[in-house]
Amino acid sequence: MTSADRKAMIAEYKDRETIAGVFAVICSATGRAWVGQSRHIDTQQNGLWFSLKMGSSPFRSLQAEWNDQGADSFRFEQLDRLSPDLSDMARKDELKKRAALWAARLEAELL
């Protein structure tokens, strides 16, 4: 790979469209659910699963359930995706509203 190819790939990565959204982490064994929001919904699961596997998740109740039930008991679901046309302020407000709505619907804990 040449330097120019590498720079082009980096530029393409930085210019990609990111999709914000709301997600749920659900424990199949217990039925417990957690709802969160992300500015990068497509990559959220990787980061979340990594922190849970390392035992370093900032979400204590989710980490405790993960430790008790094991990784195979959990699934990640994208619940809502926002339009990329929203301004940063509108996106932030909409994410907050939709996360609260989904948490109420699923009787889930907010992350």
N, C-alpha and C. Protein backbone atom coordinates (compact mmCIF):
# COMPACT_ATOMS: atom_id res chain seq x y z
N MET A 1 0.85 -1.18 0.00
CA MET A 1 0.00 0.00 0.00
C MET A 1 0.89 1.24 0.00
N THR A 2 0.63 2.11 -0.93
CA THR A 2 1.44 3.32 -1.02
C THR A 2 0.92 4.35 -0.02
N SER A 3 1.73 5.35 0.19
CA SER A 3 1.36 6.42 1.10
C SER A 3 0.11 7.14 0.61
N ALA A 4 0.01 7.34 -0.69
CA ALA A 4 -1.16 8.03 -1.26
C ALA A 4 -2.43 7.19 -1.06
N ASP A 5 -2.30 5.87 -1.23
CA ASP A 5 -3.45 4.99 -1.02
C ASP A 5 -3.91 5.04 0.43
N ARG A 6 -2.94 5.03 1.32
CA ARG A 6 -3.25 5.08 2.75
C ARG A 6 -3.97 6.38 3.10
N LYS A 7 -3.45 7.50 2.59
CA LYS A 7 -4.07 8.80 2.85
C LYS A 7 -5.49 8.85 2.29
N ALA A 8 -5.68 8.27 1.12
CA ALA A 8 -7.01 8.25 0.51
C ALA A 8 -7.98 7.43 1.35
N MET A 9 -7.51 6.30 1.87
CA MET A 9 -8.37 5.46 2.71
C MET A 9 -8.72 6.16 4.01
N ILE A 10 -7.77 6.86 4.59
CA ILE A 10 -8.03 7.60 5.83
C ILE A 10 -9.04 8.71 5.57
N ALA A 11 -8.87 9.44 4.47
CA ALA A 11 -9.80 10.52 4.13
C ALA A 11 -11.21 9.96 3.90
N GLU A 12 -11.30 8.83 3.24
CA GLU A 12 -12.59 8.19 2.99
C GLU A 12 -13.25 7.79 4.31
N TYR A 13 -12.45 7.26 5.23
CA TYR A 13 -12.97 6.85 6.54
C TYR A 13 -13.51 8.07 7.30
N LYS A 14 -12.77 9.16 7.27
CA LYS A 14 -13.20 10.36 8.01
C LYS A 14 -14.43 11.00 7.40
N ASP A 15 -14.61 10.84 6.09
CA ASP A 15 -15.74 11.46 5.40
C ASP A 15 -16.99 10.59 5.38
N ARG A 16 -16.91 9.39 5.92
CA ARG A 16 -18.07 8.51 5.87
C ARG A 16 -19.22 9.11 6.69
N GLU A 17 -20.40 8.77 6.28
CA GLU A 17 -21.59 9.26 6.96
C GLU A 17 -21.81 8.44 8.22
N THR A 18 -21.98 9.11 9.34
CA THR A 18 -22.25 8.39 10.58
C THR A 18 -23.74 8.51 10.89
N ILE A 19 -24.29 7.44 11.40
CA ILE A 19 -25.71 7.39 11.72
C ILE A 19 -25.86 7.30 13.24
N ALA A 20 -26.61 8.24 13.79
CA ALA A 20 -26.90 8.21 15.22
C ALA A 20 -28.15 7.37 15.45
N GLY A 21 -28.25 6.81 16.64
CA GLY A 21 -29.43 6.01 16.91
C GLY A 21 -29.53 5.54 18.35
N VAL A 22 -30.56 4.77 18.58
CA VAL A 22 -30.85 4.21 19.90
C VAL A 22 -30.73 2.70 19.81
N PHE A 23 -30.15 2.10 20.83
CA PHE A 23 -29.93 0.65 20.83
C PHE A 23 -30.35 0.05 22.16
N ALA A 24 -30.51 -1.26 22.14
CA ALA A 24 -30.82 -1.99 23.36
C ALA A 24 -29.85 -3.15 23.50
N VAL A 25 -29.48 -3.43 24.73
CA VAL A 25 -28.73 -4.64 25.07
C VAL A 25 -29.69 -5.47 25.91
N ILE A 26 -29.94 -6.69 25.45
CA ILE A 26 -30.94 -7.53 26.10
C ILE A 26 -30.31 -8.84 26.55
N CYS A 27 -30.58 -9.20 27.80
CA CYS A 27 -30.10 -10.47 28.34
C CYS A 27 -31.21 -11.50 28.14
N SER A 28 -30.95 -12.48 27.31
CA SER A 28 -31.96 -13.52 27.01
C SER A 28 -32.27 -14.38 28.23
N ALA A 29 -31.28 -14.57 29.09
CA ALA A 29 -31.46 -15.44 30.25
C ALA A 29 -32.40 -14.84 31.29
N THR A 30 -32.31 -13.54 31.50
CA THR A 30 -33.11 -12.91 32.55
C THR A 30 -34.20 -11.98 32.03
N GLY A 31 -34.10 -11.58 30.77
CA GLY A 31 -35.07 -10.66 30.21
C GLY A 31 -34.79 -9.20 30.50
N ARG A 32 -33.74 -8.93 31.25
CA ARG A 32 -33.39 -7.54 31.55
C ARG A 32 -32.90 -6.84 30.29
N ALA A 33 -33.15 -5.53 30.23
CA ALA A 33 -32.74 -4.76 29.06
C ALA A 33 -32.16 -3.43 29.49
N TRP A 34 -31.26 -2.94 28.68
CA TRP A 34 -30.64 -1.64 28.86
C TRP A 34 -30.76 -0.90 27.53
N VAL A 35 -31.09 0.38 27.59
CA VAL A 35 -31.24 1.19 26.38
C VAL A 35 -30.23 2.32 26.42
N GLY A 36 -29.57 2.53 25.29
CA GLY A 36 -28.58 3.59 25.19
C GLY A 36 -28.71 4.32 23.87
N GLN A 37 -27.94 5.38 23.75
CA GLN A 37 -27.93 6.18 22.53
C GLN A 37 -26.49 6.33 22.06
N SER A 38 -26.34 6.50 20.76
CA SER A 38 -25.00 6.60 20.20
C SER A 38 -24.99 7.50 18.98
N ARG A 39 -23.93 8.27 18.83
CA ARG A 39 -23.75 9.07 17.62
C ARG A 39 -23.26 8.21 16.47
N HIS A 40 -22.76 7.01 16.78
CA HIS A 40 -22.24 6.08 15.77
C HIS A 40 -22.85 4.70 16.03
N ILE A 41 -24.11 4.55 15.71
CA ILE A 41 -24.84 3.32 16.05
C ILE A 41 -24.23 2.08 15.41
N ASP A 42 -23.64 2.22 14.22
CA ASP A 42 -23.11 1.05 13.52
C ASP A 42 -21.87 0.46 14.18
N THR A 43 -21.17 1.24 14.97
CA THR A 43 -19.95 0.74 15.62
C THR A 43 -20.09 0.61 17.14
N GLN A 44 -21.25 0.92 17.66
CA GLN A 44 -21.46 0.94 19.10
C GLN A 44 -21.27 -0.42 19.75
N GLN A 45 -21.76 -1.47 19.12
CA GLN A 45 -21.68 -2.79 19.75
C GLN A 45 -20.24 -3.21 20.00
N ASN A 46 -19.35 -2.96 19.05
CA ASN A 46 -17.96 -3.37 19.23
C ASN A 46 -17.34 -2.76 20.48
N GLY A 47 -17.53 -1.46 20.66
CA GLY A 47 -16.97 -0.79 21.83
C GLY A 47 -17.58 -1.27 23.13
N LEU A 48 -18.89 -1.44 23.11
CA LEU A 48 -19.60 -1.88 24.31
C LEU A 48 -19.19 -3.30 24.69
N TRP A 49 -19.17 -4.21 23.72
CA TRP A 49 -18.78 -5.60 23.98
C TRP A 49 -17.33 -5.67 24.47
N PHE A 50 -16.46 -4.86 23.90
CA PHE A 50 -15.06 -4.86 24.33
C PHE A 50 -14.95 -4.47 25.80
N SER A 51 -15.62 -3.39 26.20
CA SER A 51 -15.53 -2.96 27.61
C SER A 51 -16.15 -3.99 28.54
N LEU A 52 -17.21 -4.65 28.11
CA LEU A 52 -17.82 -5.69 28.95
C LEU A 52 -16.90 -6.90 29.09
N LYS A 53 -16.27 -7.31 28.00
CA LYS A 53 -15.34 -8.45 28.05
C LYS A 53 -14.13 -8.16 28.92
N MET A 54 -13.70 -6.90 28.92
CA MET A 54 -12.55 -6.50 29.73
C MET A 54 -12.94 -6.27 31.19
N GLY A 55 -14.24 -6.23 31.47
CA GLY A 55 -14.70 -5.97 32.83
C GLY A 55 -14.59 -4.51 33.21
N SER A 56 -14.56 -3.63 32.21
CA SER A 56 -14.34 -2.22 32.49
C SER A 56 -15.50 -1.34 32.03
N SER A 57 -16.68 -1.91 31.90
CA SER A 57 -17.83 -1.12 31.47
C SER A 57 -18.21 -0.11 32.55
N PRO A 58 -18.54 1.12 32.16
CA PRO A 58 -18.98 2.10 33.15
C PRO A 58 -20.41 1.84 33.64
N PHE A 59 -21.10 0.90 33.02
CA PHE A 59 -22.48 0.59 33.37
C PHE A 59 -22.48 -0.62 34.31
N ARG A 60 -22.49 -0.34 35.60
CA ARG A 60 -22.28 -1.38 36.62
C ARG A 60 -23.31 -2.50 36.58
N SER A 61 -24.58 -2.15 36.44
CA SER A 61 -25.61 -3.20 36.45
C SER A 61 -25.48 -4.10 35.23
N LEU A 62 -25.16 -3.52 34.09
CA LEU A 62 -24.95 -4.31 32.87
C LEU A 62 -23.71 -5.18 33.01
N GLN A 63 -22.65 -4.63 33.57
CA GLN A 63 -21.42 -5.40 33.76
C GLN A 63 -21.65 -6.57 34.71
N ALA A 64 -22.40 -6.34 35.79
CA ALA A 64 -22.69 -7.41 36.75
C ALA A 64 -23.50 -8.52 36.10
N GLU A 65 -24.50 -8.15 35.32
CA GLU A 65 -25.32 -9.15 34.63
C GLU A 65 -24.49 -9.92 33.60
N TRP A 66 -23.61 -9.21 32.90
CA TRP A 66 -22.71 -9.84 31.91
C TRP A 66 -21.82 -10.87 32.61
N ASN A 67 -21.27 -10.49 33.76
CA ASN A 67 -20.40 -11.39 34.50
C ASN A 67 -21.16 -12.63 34.99
N ASP A 68 -22.41 -12.43 35.43
CA ASP A 68 -23.21 -13.54 35.94
C ASP A 68 -23.71 -14.48 34.84
N GLN A 69 -24.17 -13.92 33.74
CA GLN A 69 -24.83 -14.71 32.70
C GLN A 69 -23.93 -15.13 31.54
N GLY A 70 -22.85 -14.40 31.32
CA GLY A 70 -21.95 -14.73 30.22
C GLY A 70 -22.34 -14.03 28.92
N ALA A 71 -21.38 -13.87 28.04
CA ALA A 71 -21.55 -13.12 26.80
C ALA A 71 -22.61 -13.71 25.88
N ASP A 72 -22.75 -15.03 25.89
CA ASP A 72 -23.70 -15.68 24.97
C ASP A 72 -25.16 -15.37 25.29
N SER A 73 -25.41 -14.84 26.47
CA SER A 73 -26.78 -14.53 26.87
C SER A 73 -27.24 -13.15 26.41
N PHE A 74 -26.35 -12.40 25.77
CA PHE A 74 -26.67 -11.01 25.41
C PHE A 74 -26.78 -10.82 23.91
N ARG A 75 -27.68 -9.90 23.57
CA ARG A 75 -27.79 -9.50 22.17
C ARG A 75 -27.92 -7.99 22.09
N PHE A 76 -27.50 -7.45 20.96
CA PHE A 76 -27.51 -6.02 20.70
C PHE A 76 -28.53 -5.76 19.60
N GLU A 77 -29.42 -4.82 19.84
CA GLU A 77 -30.44 -4.48 18.83
C GLU A 77 -30.44 -2.99 18.57
N GLN A 78 -30.43 -2.62 17.30
CA GLN A 78 -30.61 -1.22 16.93
C GLN A 78 -32.11 -0.97 16.90
N LEU A 79 -32.55 -0.02 17.70
CA LEU A 79 -33.98 0.25 17.83
C LEU A 79 -34.45 1.38 16.94
N ASP A 80 -33.61 2.38 16.77
CA ASP A 80 -33.99 3.59 16.06
C ASP A 80 -32.76 4.21 15.42
N ARG A 81 -32.91 4.71 14.22
CA ARG A 81 -31.81 5.40 13.53
C ARG A 81 -32.30 6.79 13.16
N LEU A 82 -31.46 7.79 13.37
CA LEU A 82 -31.83 9.17 13.06
C LEU A 82 -31.32 9.58 11.68
N SER A 83 -31.98 10.53 11.12
CA SER A 83 -31.57 11.08 9.83
C SER A 83 -30.23 11.80 9.99
N PRO A 84 -29.31 11.62 9.06
CA PRO A 84 -28.03 12.33 9.16
C PRO A 84 -28.16 13.82 8.87
N ASP A 85 -29.34 14.26 8.44
CA ASP A 85 -29.54 15.67 8.11
C ASP A 85 -29.78 16.55 9.33
N LEU A 86 -29.98 15.97 10.49
CA LEU A 86 -30.24 16.75 11.70
C LEU A 86 -28.99 17.50 12.15
N SER A 87 -29.21 18.68 12.72
CA SER A 87 -28.09 19.42 13.29
C SER A 87 -27.61 18.70 14.55
N ASP A 88 -26.44 19.04 15.03
CA ASP A 88 -25.89 18.39 16.23
C ASP A 88 -26.82 18.56 17.43
N MET A 89 -27.33 19.76 17.60
CA MET A 89 -28.22 20.05 18.74
C MET A 89 -29.52 19.25 18.61
N ALA A 90 -30.11 19.25 17.43
CA ALA A 90 -31.36 18.51 17.21
C ALA A 90 -31.13 17.01 17.38
N ARG A 91 -29.99 16.51 16.91
CA ARG A 91 -29.66 15.09 17.04
C ARG A 91 -29.55 14.70 18.50
N LYS A 92 -28.87 15.53 19.27
CA LYS A 92 -28.69 15.26 20.70
C LYS A 92 -30.04 15.21 21.42
N ASP A 93 -30.89 16.18 21.15
CA ASP A 93 -32.22 16.22 21.78
C ASP A 93 -33.07 15.03 21.36
N GLU A 94 -33.04 14.71 20.08
CA GLU A 94 -33.85 13.60 19.57
C GLU A 94 -33.38 12.26 20.13
N LEU A 95 -32.06 12.08 20.24
CA LEU A 95 -31.52 10.85 20.83
C LEU A 95 -32.00 10.68 22.27
N LYS A 96 -31.96 11.76 23.01
CA LYS A 96 -32.38 11.72 24.41
C LYS A 96 -33.87 11.34 24.53
N LYS A 97 -34.71 11.96 23.70
CA LYS A 97 -36.15 11.67 23.73
C LYS A 97 -36.43 10.22 23.34
N ARG A 98 -35.81 9.78 22.26
CA ARG A 98 -36.08 8.43 21.78
C ARG A 98 -35.55 7.36 22.73
N ALA A 99 -34.41 7.63 23.35
CA ALA A 99 -33.87 6.67 24.32
C ALA A 99 -34.83 6.53 25.51
N ALA A 100 -35.36 7.65 25.98
CA ALA A 100 -36.31 7.61 27.10
C ALA A 100 -37.59 6.87 26.69
N LEU A 101 -38.05 7.10 25.47
CA LEU A 101 -39.25 6.43 24.97
C LEU A 101 -39.04 4.92 24.90
N TRP A 102 -37.92 4.50 24.34
CA TRP A 102 -37.63 3.06 24.22
C TRP A 102 -37.41 2.42 25.59
N ALA A 103 -36.78 3.14 26.50
CA ALA A 103 -36.56 2.60 27.84
C ALA A 103 -37.91 2.35 28.53
N ALA A 104 -38.85 3.27 28.36
CA ALA A 104 -40.18 3.09 28.94
C ALA A 104 -40.91 1.92 28.28
N ARG A 105 -40.82 1.82 26.97
CA ARG A 105 -41.49 0.73 26.24
C ARG A 105 -40.98 -0.64 26.65
N LEU A 106 -39.67 -0.74 26.80
CA LEU A 106 -39.05 -2.03 27.11
C LEU A 106 -38.88 -2.27 28.61
N GLU A 107 -39.29 -1.29 29.41
CA GLU A 107 -39.06 -1.34 30.86
C GLU A 107 -37.58 -1.62 31.12
N ALA A 108 -36.76 -0.81 30.47
CA ALA A 108 -35.31 -1.00 30.51
C ALA A 108 -34.63 0.11 31.29
N GLU A 109 -33.41 -0.17 31.65
CA GLU A 109 -32.57 0.81 32.33
C GLU A 109 -31.83 1.63 31.27
N LEU A 110 -31.76 2.94 31.48
CA LEU A 110 -31.02 3.79 30.55
C LEU A 110 -29.53 3.69 30.81
N LEU A 111 -28.76 3.62 29.75
CA LEU A 111 -27.30 3.61 29.87
C LEU A 111 -26.79 5.03 29.78
